[in-house]
Amino acid sequence: MLVYLDQNHASRMAKHLLGQRGHEAFGRLFLALKGRAIAPPSPFHVLETLFPQRGPEEKAGYLLPALKEVFAALSGGYWVRPWQEVAARQRRGLHREDLLSQEGSWETPADLSPFKGLPEALRGLPYGEAHALALREIRERTGLEEVPFVRLLARLLARMASDLQRKPRPSDLLDAVMAATVYPYVDLLLTDRYLRGLLPEKSVGGRRKEVEALVRRLEGE
């Protein structure tokens, strides 16, 4: 089973390993995943760990040793490739070896600069307009064909931009690029409630009841 842990899931497992209270369900999930799943780190984890968009700057990277311990136990020695590599390889179809690599570094964060300003350009447009503009902009900015990464990223950004009932978050772009990269390949995406709602087929949220239900499922397999 191939699982992707978003930053919240991975960080709360790391905090549990550090003995911080309130993360016991994630500690049980960590144990349930060991030996049952592969959950690799990614350049998105590096970006969120070393260059967090929220929280005091002096705390950037403090979880890195514990995160390395989490992924050493769960990754099977794999890393998620940078989104640029994954998307480029999709020209020949979807193959898990195009997502996973045995090369990776905690010094190389994801580069989101090609999409800078795109969520703001889409904000408030009706879904159809936002989707068409997102598709065009992503293809022009990246030089990619309309591969699954491009289609899914455009759909997610358009859904986020056209949702006038929700306040945008600084992490929206990162979440969308991460999901567009990994979702076509994984068996489970462990993420937040909002992204789970956008991608319900293979996603599990981070609420305690959801985490505990997933633990029971894993332990019963």
N, C-alpha and C. Protein backbone atom coordinates (compact mmCIF):
# COMPACT_ATOMS: atom_id res chain seq x y z
N MET A 1 0.85 -1.19 0.00
CA MET A 1 0.00 0.00 0.00
C MET A 1 0.88 1.24 0.00
N LEU A 2 0.60 2.15 -0.91
CA LEU A 2 1.34 3.40 -1.00
C LEU A 2 0.50 4.52 -0.39
N VAL A 3 1.05 5.18 0.60
CA VAL A 3 0.35 6.22 1.37
C VAL A 3 1.15 7.51 1.32
N TYR A 4 0.46 8.63 1.21
CA TYR A 4 1.12 9.91 1.34
C TYR A 4 0.61 10.60 2.59
N LEU A 5 1.54 10.99 3.46
CA LEU A 5 1.22 11.74 4.68
C LEU A 5 1.40 13.22 4.41
N ASP A 6 0.34 14.01 4.56
CA ASP A 6 0.55 15.44 4.43
C ASP A 6 1.35 15.94 5.63
N GLN A 7 1.70 17.22 5.60
CA GLN A 7 2.59 17.74 6.64
C GLN A 7 1.98 17.63 8.03
N ASN A 8 0.66 17.81 8.14
CA ASN A 8 0.02 17.71 9.45
C ASN A 8 0.15 16.30 10.03
N HIS A 9 -0.14 15.28 9.22
CA HIS A 9 -0.02 13.90 9.71
C HIS A 9 1.41 13.58 10.08
N ALA A 10 2.35 13.92 9.20
CA ALA A 10 3.75 13.61 9.47
C ALA A 10 4.26 14.36 10.70
N SER A 11 3.90 15.62 10.82
CA SER A 11 4.36 16.43 11.95
C SER A 11 3.79 15.93 13.27
N ARG A 12 2.53 15.51 13.26
CA ARG A 12 1.94 15.04 14.50
C ARG A 12 2.51 13.69 14.91
N MET A 13 2.89 12.86 13.94
CA MET A 13 3.63 11.64 14.28
C MET A 13 4.97 12.00 14.90
N ALA A 14 5.65 12.97 14.31
CA ALA A 14 6.96 13.40 14.84
C ALA A 14 6.81 13.96 16.25
N LYS A 15 5.78 14.75 16.47
CA LYS A 15 5.56 15.32 17.81
C LYS A 15 5.27 14.23 18.83
N HIS A 16 4.55 13.19 18.40
CA HIS A 16 4.32 12.07 19.30
C HIS A 16 5.64 11.39 19.66
N LEU A 17 6.52 11.20 18.68
CA LEU A 17 7.81 10.59 18.97
C LEU A 17 8.64 11.44 19.91
N LEU A 18 8.41 12.75 19.87
CA LEU A 18 9.13 13.66 20.77
C LEU A 18 8.50 13.71 22.16
N GLY A 19 7.40 12.98 22.34
CA GLY A 19 6.76 12.94 23.66
C GLY A 19 5.77 14.04 23.91
N GLN A 20 5.40 14.80 22.88
CA GLN A 20 4.43 15.86 23.06
C GLN A 20 3.04 15.26 23.17
N ARG A 21 2.24 15.77 24.08
CA ARG A 21 0.91 15.22 24.32
C ARG A 21 -0.09 15.71 23.29
N GLY A 22 -1.17 14.94 23.13
CA GLY A 22 -2.23 15.32 22.24
C GLY A 22 -2.14 14.72 20.85
N HIS A 23 -1.13 13.89 20.62
CA HIS A 23 -0.92 13.31 19.29
C HIS A 23 -0.93 11.79 19.34
N GLU A 24 -1.59 11.24 20.36
CA GLU A 24 -1.55 9.79 20.55
C GLU A 24 -2.16 9.02 19.39
N ALA A 25 -3.24 9.54 18.81
CA ALA A 25 -3.87 8.84 17.68
C ALA A 25 -2.91 8.73 16.50
N PHE A 26 -2.11 9.76 16.31
CA PHE A 26 -1.14 9.74 15.20
C PHE A 26 0.02 8.79 15.52
N GLY A 27 0.33 8.65 16.81
CA GLY A 27 1.32 7.66 17.19
C GLY A 27 0.84 6.25 16.90
N ARG A 28 -0.44 6.00 17.14
CA ARG A 28 -1.00 4.68 16.82
C ARG A 28 -1.04 4.46 15.31
N LEU A 29 -1.32 5.52 14.57
CA LEU A 29 -1.32 5.40 13.11
C LEU A 29 0.09 5.10 12.61
N PHE A 30 1.07 5.74 13.17
CA PHE A 30 2.47 5.48 12.81
C PHE A 30 2.79 3.99 12.98
N LEU A 31 2.42 3.43 14.11
CA LEU A 31 2.68 2.01 14.37
C LEU A 31 1.89 1.11 13.43
N ALA A 32 0.65 1.51 13.11
CA ALA A 32 -0.19 0.71 12.23
C ALA A 32 0.34 0.70 10.80
N LEU A 33 0.97 1.79 10.38
CA LEU A 33 1.51 1.86 9.02
C LEU A 33 2.81 1.08 8.87
N LYS A 34 3.58 0.97 9.94
CA LYS A 34 4.88 0.29 9.85
C LYS A 34 4.68 -1.15 9.42
N GLY A 35 5.36 -1.53 8.36
CA GLY A 35 5.28 -2.89 7.85
C GLY A 35 4.07 -3.16 6.99
N ARG A 36 3.12 -2.22 6.92
CA ARG A 36 1.91 -2.41 6.12
C ARG A 36 1.85 -1.47 4.92
N ALA A 37 2.63 -0.41 4.94
CA ALA A 37 2.53 0.60 3.89
C ALA A 37 3.89 1.25 3.66
N ILE A 38 4.02 1.84 2.49
CA ILE A 38 5.15 2.71 2.18
C ILE A 38 4.63 4.14 2.17
N ALA A 39 5.26 4.99 2.94
CA ALA A 39 4.86 6.40 3.03
C ALA A 39 6.13 7.25 2.88
N PRO A 40 6.45 7.66 1.67
CA PRO A 40 7.72 8.36 1.43
C PRO A 40 7.65 9.85 1.72
N PRO A 41 8.78 10.46 2.05
CA PRO A 41 8.84 11.92 2.16
C PRO A 41 8.90 12.53 0.77
N SER A 42 8.71 13.84 0.71
CA SER A 42 8.69 14.53 -0.58
C SER A 42 9.33 15.91 -0.45
N PRO A 43 9.63 16.53 -1.58
CA PRO A 43 10.10 17.92 -1.52
C PRO A 43 9.11 18.87 -0.88
N PHE A 44 7.82 18.51 -0.86
CA PHE A 44 6.82 19.35 -0.19
C PHE A 44 7.03 19.32 1.32
N HIS A 45 7.38 18.15 1.87
CA HIS A 45 7.69 18.07 3.30
C HIS A 45 8.90 18.94 3.63
N VAL A 46 9.90 18.93 2.75
CA VAL A 46 11.09 19.75 2.98
C VAL A 46 10.71 21.22 3.02
N LEU A 47 9.90 21.64 2.05
CA LEU A 47 9.49 23.05 1.99
C LEU A 47 8.72 23.45 3.24
N GLU A 48 7.78 22.61 3.68
CA GLU A 48 6.96 22.97 4.83
C GLU A 48 7.72 22.87 6.14
N THR A 49 8.73 22.02 6.19
CA THR A 49 9.50 21.87 7.42
C THR A 49 10.53 22.98 7.58
N LEU A 50 11.24 23.29 6.51
CA LEU A 50 12.34 24.26 6.60
C LEU A 50 11.92 25.68 6.28
N PHE A 51 10.81 25.83 5.55
CA PHE A 51 10.34 27.17 5.16
C PHE A 51 8.84 27.29 5.44
N PRO A 52 8.43 27.10 6.70
CA PRO A 52 6.99 27.11 7.01
C PRO A 52 6.38 28.47 6.73
N GLN A 53 5.12 28.44 6.26
CA GLN A 53 4.42 29.69 5.95
C GLN A 53 3.72 30.27 7.17
N ARG A 54 3.65 29.48 8.24
CA ARG A 54 3.02 29.95 9.47
C ARG A 54 3.90 29.54 10.64
N GLY A 55 3.77 30.28 11.75
CA GLY A 55 4.53 29.95 12.95
C GLY A 55 5.79 30.79 13.05
N PRO A 56 6.38 30.83 14.24
CA PRO A 56 7.59 31.65 14.45
C PRO A 56 8.77 31.13 13.62
N GLU A 57 9.49 32.06 13.03
CA GLU A 57 10.61 31.71 12.15
C GLU A 57 11.67 30.89 12.86
N GLU A 58 11.86 31.16 14.14
CA GLU A 58 12.92 30.45 14.88
C GLU A 58 12.60 28.97 15.08
N LYS A 59 11.35 28.58 14.86
CA LYS A 59 10.99 27.17 15.03
C LYS A 59 11.10 26.39 13.72
N ALA A 60 11.46 27.06 12.64
CA ALA A 60 11.60 26.37 11.36
C ALA A 60 12.63 25.27 11.48
N GLY A 61 12.25 24.07 11.09
CA GLY A 61 13.18 22.95 11.08
C GLY A 61 13.32 22.20 12.38
N TYR A 62 12.63 22.63 13.45
CA TYR A 62 12.86 21.98 14.73
C TYR A 62 12.36 20.54 14.73
N LEU A 63 11.40 20.23 13.86
CA LEU A 63 10.88 18.86 13.80
C LEU A 63 11.68 17.97 12.85
N LEU A 64 12.67 18.52 12.17
CA LEU A 64 13.36 17.74 11.14
C LEU A 64 13.93 16.43 11.65
N PRO A 65 14.65 16.38 12.78
CA PRO A 65 15.17 15.08 13.24
C PRO A 65 14.09 14.04 13.48
N ALA A 66 12.97 14.46 14.08
CA ALA A 66 11.89 13.52 14.33
C ALA A 66 11.18 13.12 13.04
N LEU A 67 11.05 14.05 12.09
CA LEU A 67 10.46 13.69 10.80
C LEU A 67 11.33 12.69 10.06
N LYS A 68 12.64 12.86 10.15
CA LYS A 68 13.54 11.89 9.53
C LYS A 68 13.33 10.50 10.14
N GLU A 69 13.09 10.46 11.44
CA GLU A 69 12.83 9.18 12.11
C GLU A 69 11.52 8.57 11.62
N VAL A 70 10.48 9.39 11.48
CA VAL A 70 9.20 8.90 10.97
C VAL A 70 9.37 8.28 9.59
N PHE A 71 10.01 9.01 8.70
CA PHE A 71 10.11 8.53 7.32
C PHE A 71 11.14 7.42 7.15
N ALA A 72 12.13 7.38 8.03
CA ALA A 72 13.06 6.25 7.99
C ALA A 72 12.32 4.94 8.24
N ALA A 73 11.29 5.02 9.09
CA ALA A 73 10.52 3.83 9.42
C ALA A 73 9.45 3.50 8.38
N LEU A 74 8.99 4.50 7.64
CA LEU A 74 7.82 4.29 6.78
C LEU A 74 8.12 4.36 5.28
N SER A 75 9.26 4.90 4.89
CA SER A 75 9.46 5.22 3.47
C SER A 75 9.90 4.05 2.62
N GLY A 76 10.43 3.01 3.23
CA GLY A 76 10.99 1.92 2.44
C GLY A 76 12.20 2.36 1.63
N GLY A 77 12.81 3.47 2.00
CA GLY A 77 13.96 3.98 1.27
C GLY A 77 13.60 4.85 0.07
N TYR A 78 12.32 5.14 -0.11
CA TYR A 78 11.88 5.91 -1.28
C TYR A 78 11.63 7.38 -0.93
N TRP A 79 11.69 8.19 -1.96
CA TRP A 79 11.28 9.59 -1.94
C TRP A 79 10.28 9.82 -3.06
N VAL A 80 9.41 10.81 -2.90
CA VAL A 80 8.60 11.29 -4.01
C VAL A 80 9.48 12.21 -4.86
N ARG A 81 9.45 11.99 -6.16
CA ARG A 81 10.21 12.84 -7.06
C ARG A 81 9.65 14.27 -7.06
N PRO A 82 10.44 15.26 -7.47
CA PRO A 82 9.91 16.61 -7.65
C PRO A 82 8.74 16.61 -8.64
N TRP A 83 7.79 17.50 -8.43
CA TRP A 83 6.61 17.51 -9.28
C TRP A 83 6.96 17.66 -10.75
N GLN A 84 8.04 18.40 -11.06
CA GLN A 84 8.42 18.59 -12.46
C GLN A 84 8.75 17.25 -13.12
N GLU A 85 9.47 16.38 -12.40
CA GLU A 85 9.84 15.08 -12.95
C GLU A 85 8.61 14.19 -13.11
N VAL A 86 7.75 14.20 -12.10
CA VAL A 86 6.56 13.35 -12.15
C VAL A 86 5.69 13.75 -13.33
N ALA A 87 5.43 15.04 -13.48
CA ALA A 87 4.56 15.50 -14.55
C ALA A 87 5.15 15.22 -15.92
N ALA A 88 6.45 15.43 -16.08
CA ALA A 88 7.09 15.19 -17.38
C ALA A 88 7.00 13.72 -17.78
N ARG A 89 7.09 12.82 -16.81
CA ARG A 89 7.04 11.39 -17.10
C ARG A 89 5.64 10.91 -17.44
N GLN A 90 4.63 11.70 -17.14
CA GLN A 90 3.25 11.27 -17.39
C GLN A 90 2.90 11.25 -18.87
N ARG A 91 3.76 11.75 -19.71
CA ARG A 91 3.50 11.67 -21.15
C ARG A 91 3.37 10.21 -21.61
N ARG A 92 3.99 9.30 -20.88
CA ARG A 92 3.94 7.89 -21.29
C ARG A 92 2.93 7.09 -20.46
N GLY A 93 2.15 7.76 -19.62
CA GLY A 93 1.16 7.09 -18.80
C GLY A 93 1.48 7.24 -17.32
N LEU A 94 0.69 6.56 -16.48
CA LEU A 94 0.86 6.63 -15.03
C LEU A 94 1.51 5.34 -14.54
N HIS A 95 2.72 5.47 -14.02
CA HIS A 95 3.47 4.33 -13.50
C HIS A 95 4.09 4.75 -12.17
N ARG A 96 3.97 3.92 -11.16
CA ARG A 96 4.44 4.32 -9.83
C ARG A 96 5.94 4.60 -9.79
N GLU A 97 6.70 3.96 -10.66
CA GLU A 97 8.14 4.24 -10.65
C GLU A 97 8.42 5.68 -11.10
N ASP A 98 7.43 6.31 -11.73
CA ASP A 98 7.61 7.70 -12.12
C ASP A 98 7.33 8.66 -10.97
N LEU A 99 6.72 8.17 -9.91
CA LEU A 99 6.51 8.97 -8.70
C LEU A 99 7.64 8.78 -7.72
N LEU A 100 8.13 7.55 -7.59
CA LEU A 100 9.06 7.20 -6.53
C LEU A 100 10.50 7.11 -7.03
N SER A 101 11.41 7.51 -6.16
CA SER A 101 12.84 7.43 -6.44
C SER A 101 13.57 7.07 -5.16
N GLN A 102 14.72 6.46 -5.28
CA GLN A 102 15.55 6.19 -4.10
C GLN A 102 16.55 7.31 -3.86
N GLU A 103 16.39 8.38 -4.61
CA GLU A 103 17.21 9.57 -4.42
C GLU A 103 16.32 10.70 -3.93
N GLY A 104 16.80 11.43 -2.96
CA GLY A 104 16.05 12.56 -2.41
C GLY A 104 16.89 13.21 -1.34
N SER A 105 16.51 14.42 -0.95
CA SER A 105 17.32 15.16 0.00
C SER A 105 16.46 16.07 0.85
N TRP A 106 16.79 16.13 2.13
CA TRP A 106 16.12 17.05 3.05
C TRP A 106 16.65 18.48 2.88
N GLU A 107 17.47 18.70 1.86
CA GLU A 107 17.99 20.03 1.59
C GLU A 107 17.37 20.64 0.33
N THR A 108 16.47 19.90 -0.34
CA THR A 108 15.93 20.37 -1.60
C THR A 108 14.41 20.50 -1.52
N PRO A 109 13.90 21.70 -1.29
CA PRO A 109 12.45 21.89 -1.18
C PRO A 109 11.77 21.96 -2.54
N ALA A 110 10.47 21.75 -2.54
CA ALA A 110 9.68 21.91 -3.75
C ALA A 110 9.74 23.36 -4.23
N ASP A 111 9.76 23.51 -5.54
CA ASP A 111 9.79 24.85 -6.15
C ASP A 111 8.41 25.16 -6.71
N LEU A 112 7.72 26.08 -6.07
CA LEU A 112 6.38 26.47 -6.51
C LEU A 112 6.38 27.75 -7.32
N SER A 113 7.56 28.28 -7.63
CA SER A 113 7.65 29.59 -8.28
C SER A 113 6.93 29.66 -9.64
N PRO A 114 6.85 28.57 -10.42
CA PRO A 114 6.13 28.70 -11.69
C PRO A 114 4.65 29.07 -11.52
N PHE A 115 4.11 28.83 -10.34
CA PHE A 115 2.68 29.08 -10.12
C PHE A 115 2.42 30.33 -9.29
N LYS A 116 3.47 31.11 -9.07
CA LYS A 116 3.33 32.30 -8.23
C LYS A 116 2.26 33.23 -8.80
N GLY A 117 1.33 33.65 -7.94
CA GLY A 117 0.29 34.58 -8.34
C GLY A 117 -0.90 33.95 -9.03
N LEU A 118 -0.82 32.66 -9.36
CA LEU A 118 -1.93 32.03 -10.09
C LEU A 118 -3.20 31.93 -9.24
N PRO A 119 -3.11 31.49 -7.97
CA PRO A 119 -4.36 31.45 -7.18
C PRO A 119 -5.04 32.81 -7.09
N GLU A 120 -4.24 33.87 -6.96
CA GLU A 120 -4.82 35.21 -6.86
C GLU A 120 -5.48 35.62 -8.19
N ALA A 121 -4.89 35.21 -9.31
CA ALA A 121 -5.45 35.54 -10.62
C ALA A 121 -6.79 34.84 -10.85
N LEU A 122 -6.99 33.71 -10.20
CA LEU A 122 -8.20 32.93 -10.39
C LEU A 122 -9.30 33.31 -9.40
N ARG A 123 -8.92 33.99 -8.31
CA ARG A 123 -9.83 34.21 -7.20
C ARG A 123 -11.14 34.88 -7.62
N GLY A 124 -12.24 34.26 -7.23
CA GLY A 124 -13.55 34.84 -7.46
C GLY A 124 -14.17 34.54 -8.80
N LEU A 125 -13.43 33.93 -9.72
CA LEU A 125 -14.00 33.60 -11.03
C LEU A 125 -14.96 32.42 -10.89
N PRO A 126 -16.00 32.35 -11.71
CA PRO A 126 -16.83 31.15 -11.73
C PRO A 126 -15.96 29.93 -12.07
N TYR A 127 -16.40 28.77 -11.63
CA TYR A 127 -15.55 27.58 -11.79
C TYR A 127 -15.12 27.36 -13.24
N GLY A 128 -16.03 27.46 -14.19
CA GLY A 128 -15.69 27.20 -15.58
C GLY A 128 -14.60 28.13 -16.09
N GLU A 129 -14.72 29.42 -15.79
CA GLU A 129 -13.70 30.40 -16.20
C GLU A 129 -12.38 30.12 -15.50
N ALA A 130 -12.45 29.87 -14.20
CA ALA A 130 -11.23 29.62 -13.43
C ALA A 130 -10.51 28.38 -13.95
N HIS A 131 -11.27 27.35 -14.27
CA HIS A 131 -10.67 26.10 -14.75
C HIS A 131 -9.99 26.30 -16.10
N ALA A 132 -10.65 26.99 -17.02
CA ALA A 132 -10.06 27.23 -18.34
C ALA A 132 -8.79 28.07 -18.23
N LEU A 133 -8.84 29.11 -17.39
CA LEU A 133 -7.67 29.97 -17.22
C LEU A 133 -6.54 29.20 -16.55
N ALA A 134 -6.86 28.40 -15.54
CA ALA A 134 -5.83 27.62 -14.85
C ALA A 134 -5.15 26.64 -15.81
N LEU A 135 -5.92 25.94 -16.61
CA LEU A 135 -5.33 25.02 -17.59
C LEU A 135 -4.36 25.74 -18.51
N ARG A 136 -4.79 26.87 -19.04
CA ARG A 136 -3.95 27.62 -19.99
C ARG A 136 -2.68 28.12 -19.30
N GLU A 137 -2.83 28.69 -18.10
CA GLU A 137 -1.68 29.25 -17.41
C GLU A 137 -0.67 28.16 -17.00
N ILE A 138 -1.17 27.04 -16.51
CA ILE A 138 -0.26 25.97 -16.08
C ILE A 138 0.53 25.44 -17.26
N ARG A 139 -0.14 25.23 -18.38
CA ARG A 139 0.57 24.73 -19.56
C ARG A 139 1.60 25.73 -20.06
N GLU A 140 1.23 27.01 -20.09
CA GLU A 140 2.16 28.03 -20.58
C GLU A 140 3.34 28.21 -19.63
N ARG A 141 3.07 28.16 -18.33
CA ARG A 141 4.14 28.42 -17.35
C ARG A 141 5.11 27.24 -17.20
N THR A 142 4.64 26.03 -17.46
CA THR A 142 5.47 24.85 -17.26
C THR A 142 5.94 24.20 -18.55
N GLY A 143 5.29 24.50 -19.66
CA GLY A 143 5.62 23.84 -20.91
C GLY A 143 5.12 22.41 -20.99
N LEU A 144 4.24 22.02 -20.06
CA LEU A 144 3.73 20.66 -20.02
C LEU A 144 2.54 20.50 -20.95
N GLU A 145 2.37 19.28 -21.43
CA GLU A 145 1.16 18.93 -22.14
C GLU A 145 0.04 18.77 -21.11
N GLU A 146 -1.17 18.49 -21.58
CA GLU A 146 -2.29 18.34 -20.65
C GLU A 146 -2.30 16.93 -20.05
N VAL A 147 -1.28 16.67 -19.22
CA VAL A 147 -1.12 15.39 -18.54
C VAL A 147 -1.96 15.40 -17.26
N PRO A 148 -2.11 14.24 -16.59
CA PRO A 148 -2.94 14.21 -15.38
C PRO A 148 -2.57 15.26 -14.33
N PHE A 149 -1.28 15.52 -14.14
CA PHE A 149 -0.86 16.55 -13.17
C PHE A 149 -1.50 17.89 -13.52
N VAL A 150 -1.42 18.28 -14.78
CA VAL A 150 -1.96 19.57 -15.21
C VAL A 150 -3.47 19.62 -15.02
N ARG A 151 -4.15 18.56 -15.41
CA ARG A 151 -5.61 18.55 -15.30
C ARG A 151 -6.07 18.62 -13.85
N LEU A 152 -5.41 17.83 -12.98
CA LEU A 152 -5.83 17.82 -11.58
C LEU A 152 -5.48 19.12 -10.88
N LEU A 153 -4.32 19.68 -11.16
CA LEU A 153 -3.95 20.95 -10.54
C LEU A 153 -4.91 22.05 -10.97
N ALA A 154 -5.26 22.08 -12.24
CA ALA A 154 -6.21 23.10 -12.71
C ALA A 154 -7.56 22.94 -12.03
N ARG A 155 -8.00 21.70 -11.88
CA ARG A 155 -9.29 21.46 -11.24
C ARG A 155 -9.28 21.91 -9.78
N LEU A 156 -8.21 21.56 -9.05
CA LEU A 156 -8.14 21.92 -7.64
C LEU A 156 -8.05 23.43 -7.45
N LEU A 157 -7.19 24.09 -8.23
CA LEU A 157 -7.06 25.54 -8.09
C LEU A 157 -8.36 26.25 -8.45
N ALA A 158 -9.07 25.74 -9.46
CA ALA A 158 -10.34 26.36 -9.84
C ALA A 158 -11.40 26.16 -8.77
N ARG A 159 -11.43 24.97 -8.16
CA ARG A 159 -12.38 24.73 -7.08
C ARG A 159 -12.09 25.65 -5.89
N MET A 160 -10.82 25.79 -5.54
CA MET A 160 -10.45 26.66 -4.43
C MET A 160 -10.80 28.11 -4.73
N ALA A 161 -10.52 28.55 -5.95
CA ALA A 161 -10.70 29.96 -6.31
C ALA A 161 -12.17 30.34 -6.40
N SER A 162 -13.02 29.41 -6.81
CA SER A 162 -14.43 29.74 -7.02
C SER A 162 -15.28 29.51 -5.77
N ASP A 163 -14.68 29.05 -4.68
CA ASP A 163 -15.40 28.82 -3.44
C ASP A 163 -15.42 30.11 -2.62
N LEU A 164 -16.44 30.90 -2.81
CA LEU A 164 -16.51 32.21 -2.17
C LEU A 164 -16.88 32.13 -0.70
N GLN A 165 -17.29 30.95 -0.22
CA GLN A 165 -17.66 30.77 1.18
C GLN A 165 -16.44 30.47 2.06
N ARG A 166 -15.30 30.26 1.43
CA ARG A 166 -14.10 29.84 2.17
C ARG A 166 -13.00 30.90 2.04
N LYS A 167 -12.36 31.20 3.16
CA LYS A 167 -11.24 32.13 3.14
C LYS A 167 -9.99 31.42 2.65
N PRO A 168 -9.31 31.97 1.65
CA PRO A 168 -8.08 31.33 1.14
C PRO A 168 -7.03 31.20 2.23
N ARG A 169 -6.20 30.14 2.14
CA ARG A 169 -5.13 29.91 3.09
C ARG A 169 -3.77 30.02 2.39
N PRO A 170 -2.74 30.43 3.11
CA PRO A 170 -1.41 30.53 2.48
C PRO A 170 -0.92 29.20 1.91
N SER A 171 -1.40 28.09 2.46
CA SER A 171 -0.92 26.78 2.03
C SER A 171 -1.72 26.20 0.85
N ASP A 172 -2.70 26.93 0.33
CA ASP A 172 -3.56 26.37 -0.72
C ASP A 172 -2.76 25.95 -1.95
N LEU A 173 -1.86 26.78 -2.41
CA LEU A 173 -1.10 26.45 -3.62
C LEU A 173 -0.25 25.21 -3.38
N LEU A 174 0.45 25.17 -2.26
CA LEU A 174 1.27 24.00 -1.96
C LEU A 174 0.42 22.74 -1.88
N ASP A 175 -0.72 22.83 -1.20
CA ASP A 175 -1.60 21.66 -1.08
C ASP A 175 -2.07 21.17 -2.44
N ALA A 176 -2.41 22.11 -3.33
CA ALA A 176 -2.91 21.73 -4.64
C ALA A 176 -1.82 21.08 -5.48
N VAL A 177 -0.61 21.64 -5.47
CA VAL A 177 0.49 21.07 -6.26
C VAL A 177 0.87 19.70 -5.70
N MET A 178 0.91 19.58 -4.37
CA MET A 178 1.21 18.29 -3.75
C MET A 178 0.19 17.24 -4.17
N ALA A 179 -1.09 17.56 -4.05
CA ALA A 179 -2.13 16.59 -4.38
C ALA A 179 -2.10 16.22 -5.85
N ALA A 180 -1.88 17.21 -6.73
CA ALA A 180 -1.82 16.93 -8.16
C ALA A 180 -0.65 16.00 -8.49
N THR A 181 0.41 16.08 -7.69
CA THR A 181 1.58 15.24 -7.91
C THR A 181 1.34 13.80 -7.46
N VAL A 182 0.82 13.62 -6.25
CA VAL A 182 0.80 12.28 -5.66
C VAL A 182 -0.52 11.53 -5.82
N TYR A 183 -1.64 12.26 -5.93
CA TYR A 183 -2.95 11.60 -5.85
C TYR A 183 -3.18 10.55 -6.93
N PRO A 184 -2.74 10.75 -8.16
CA PRO A 184 -2.99 9.72 -9.17
C PRO A 184 -2.29 8.38 -8.88
N TYR A 185 -1.33 8.36 -7.98
CA TYR A 185 -0.51 7.17 -7.76
C TYR A 185 -0.79 6.45 -6.44
N VAL A 186 -1.22 7.18 -5.42
CA VAL A 186 -1.28 6.60 -4.08
C VAL A 186 -2.57 5.81 -3.86
N ASP A 187 -2.52 4.92 -2.88
CA ASP A 187 -3.72 4.24 -2.43
C ASP A 187 -4.49 5.08 -1.43
N LEU A 188 -3.75 5.86 -0.63
CA LEU A 188 -4.38 6.74 0.36
C LEU A 188 -3.61 8.05 0.44
N LEU A 189 -4.35 9.14 0.45
CA LEU A 189 -3.79 10.46 0.74
C LEU A 189 -4.32 10.89 2.09
N LEU A 190 -3.43 11.03 3.06
CA LEU A 190 -3.83 11.47 4.40
C LEU A 190 -3.62 12.98 4.46
N THR A 191 -4.72 13.72 4.56
CA THR A 191 -4.66 15.15 4.36
C THR A 191 -5.65 15.86 5.28
N ASP A 192 -5.93 17.13 5.00
CA ASP A 192 -6.86 17.86 5.85
C ASP A 192 -8.29 17.69 5.35
N ARG A 193 -9.23 18.20 6.13
CA ARG A 193 -10.65 18.00 5.81
C ARG A 193 -11.03 18.63 4.48
N TYR A 194 -10.49 19.81 4.18
CA TYR A 194 -10.87 20.50 2.95
C TYR A 194 -10.40 19.73 1.72
N LEU A 195 -9.13 19.36 1.69
CA LEU A 195 -8.62 18.63 0.53
C LEU A 195 -9.26 17.25 0.42
N ARG A 196 -9.56 16.64 1.56
CA ARG A 196 -10.28 15.37 1.53
C ARG A 196 -11.63 15.54 0.84
N GLY A 197 -12.30 16.67 1.09
CA GLY A 197 -13.58 16.92 0.45
C GLY A 197 -13.47 17.11 -1.05
N LEU A 198 -12.34 17.66 -1.51
CA LEU A 198 -12.14 17.84 -2.94
C LEU A 198 -11.73 16.54 -3.63
N LEU A 199 -11.11 15.63 -2.88
CA LEU A 199 -10.61 14.37 -3.44
C LEU A 199 -11.06 13.22 -2.54
N PRO A 200 -12.36 12.95 -2.50
CA PRO A 200 -12.89 12.03 -1.49
C PRO A 200 -12.60 10.55 -1.74
N GLU A 201 -12.28 10.17 -2.97
CA GLU A 201 -12.20 8.74 -3.26
C GLU A 201 -11.09 8.03 -2.50
N LYS A 202 -9.93 8.69 -2.37
CA LYS A 202 -8.77 8.01 -1.76
C LYS A 202 -8.18 8.81 -0.61
N SER A 203 -8.93 9.73 -0.02
CA SER A 203 -8.37 10.61 0.99
C SER A 203 -8.97 10.34 2.37
N VAL A 204 -8.16 10.56 3.40
CA VAL A 204 -8.58 10.45 4.80
C VAL A 204 -8.14 11.72 5.51
N GLY A 205 -9.04 12.33 6.27
CA GLY A 205 -8.72 13.55 6.98
C GLY A 205 -7.96 13.31 8.27
N GLY A 206 -7.62 14.41 8.95
CA GLY A 206 -6.80 14.32 10.13
C GLY A 206 -7.54 14.45 11.44
N ARG A 207 -8.87 14.38 11.43
CA ARG A 207 -9.59 14.41 12.70
C ARG A 207 -9.38 13.09 13.44
N ARG A 208 -9.44 13.18 14.76
CA ARG A 208 -9.12 12.01 15.58
C ARG A 208 -9.96 10.80 15.21
N LYS A 209 -11.26 10.99 15.00
CA LYS A 209 -12.12 9.85 14.67
C LYS A 209 -11.73 9.21 13.34
N GLU A 210 -11.34 10.04 12.38
CA GLU A 210 -10.92 9.49 11.10
C GLU A 210 -9.61 8.72 11.23
N VAL A 211 -8.69 9.27 12.01
CA VAL A 211 -7.40 8.61 12.20
C VAL A 211 -7.60 7.28 12.93
N GLU A 212 -8.43 7.28 13.95
CA GLU A 212 -8.67 6.04 14.70
C GLU A 212 -9.36 5.00 13.84
N ALA A 213 -10.29 5.43 12.98
CA ALA A 213 -10.96 4.49 12.07
C ALA A 213 -9.96 3.90 11.08
N LEU A 214 -9.02 4.70 10.61
CA LEU A 214 -8.00 4.19 9.69
C LEU A 214 -7.09 3.19 10.40
N VAL A 215 -6.74 3.47 11.63
CA VAL A 215 -5.92 2.53 12.41
C VAL A 215 -6.62 1.19 12.52
N ARG A 216 -7.91 1.19 12.86
CA ARG A 216 -8.66 -0.06 12.97
C ARG A 216 -8.69 -0.78 11.64
N ARG A 217 -8.87 -0.05 10.57
CA ARG A 217 -8.88 -0.66 9.24
C ARG A 217 -7.54 -1.33 8.93
N LEU A 218 -6.44 -0.62 9.18
CA LEU A 218 -5.12 -1.16 8.90
C LEU A 218 -4.82 -2.39 9.75
N GLU A 219 -5.21 -2.33 11.01
CA GLU A 219 -4.93 -3.43 11.91
C GLU A 219 -5.80 -4.66 11.59
N GLY A 220 -6.94 -4.43 10.91
CA GLY A 220 -7.81 -5.54 10.56
C GLY A 220 -7.48 -6.19 9.25
N GLU A 221 -6.56 -5.57 8.49
CA GLU A 221 -6.19 -6.14 7.18
C GLU A 221 -5.21 -7.30 7.32
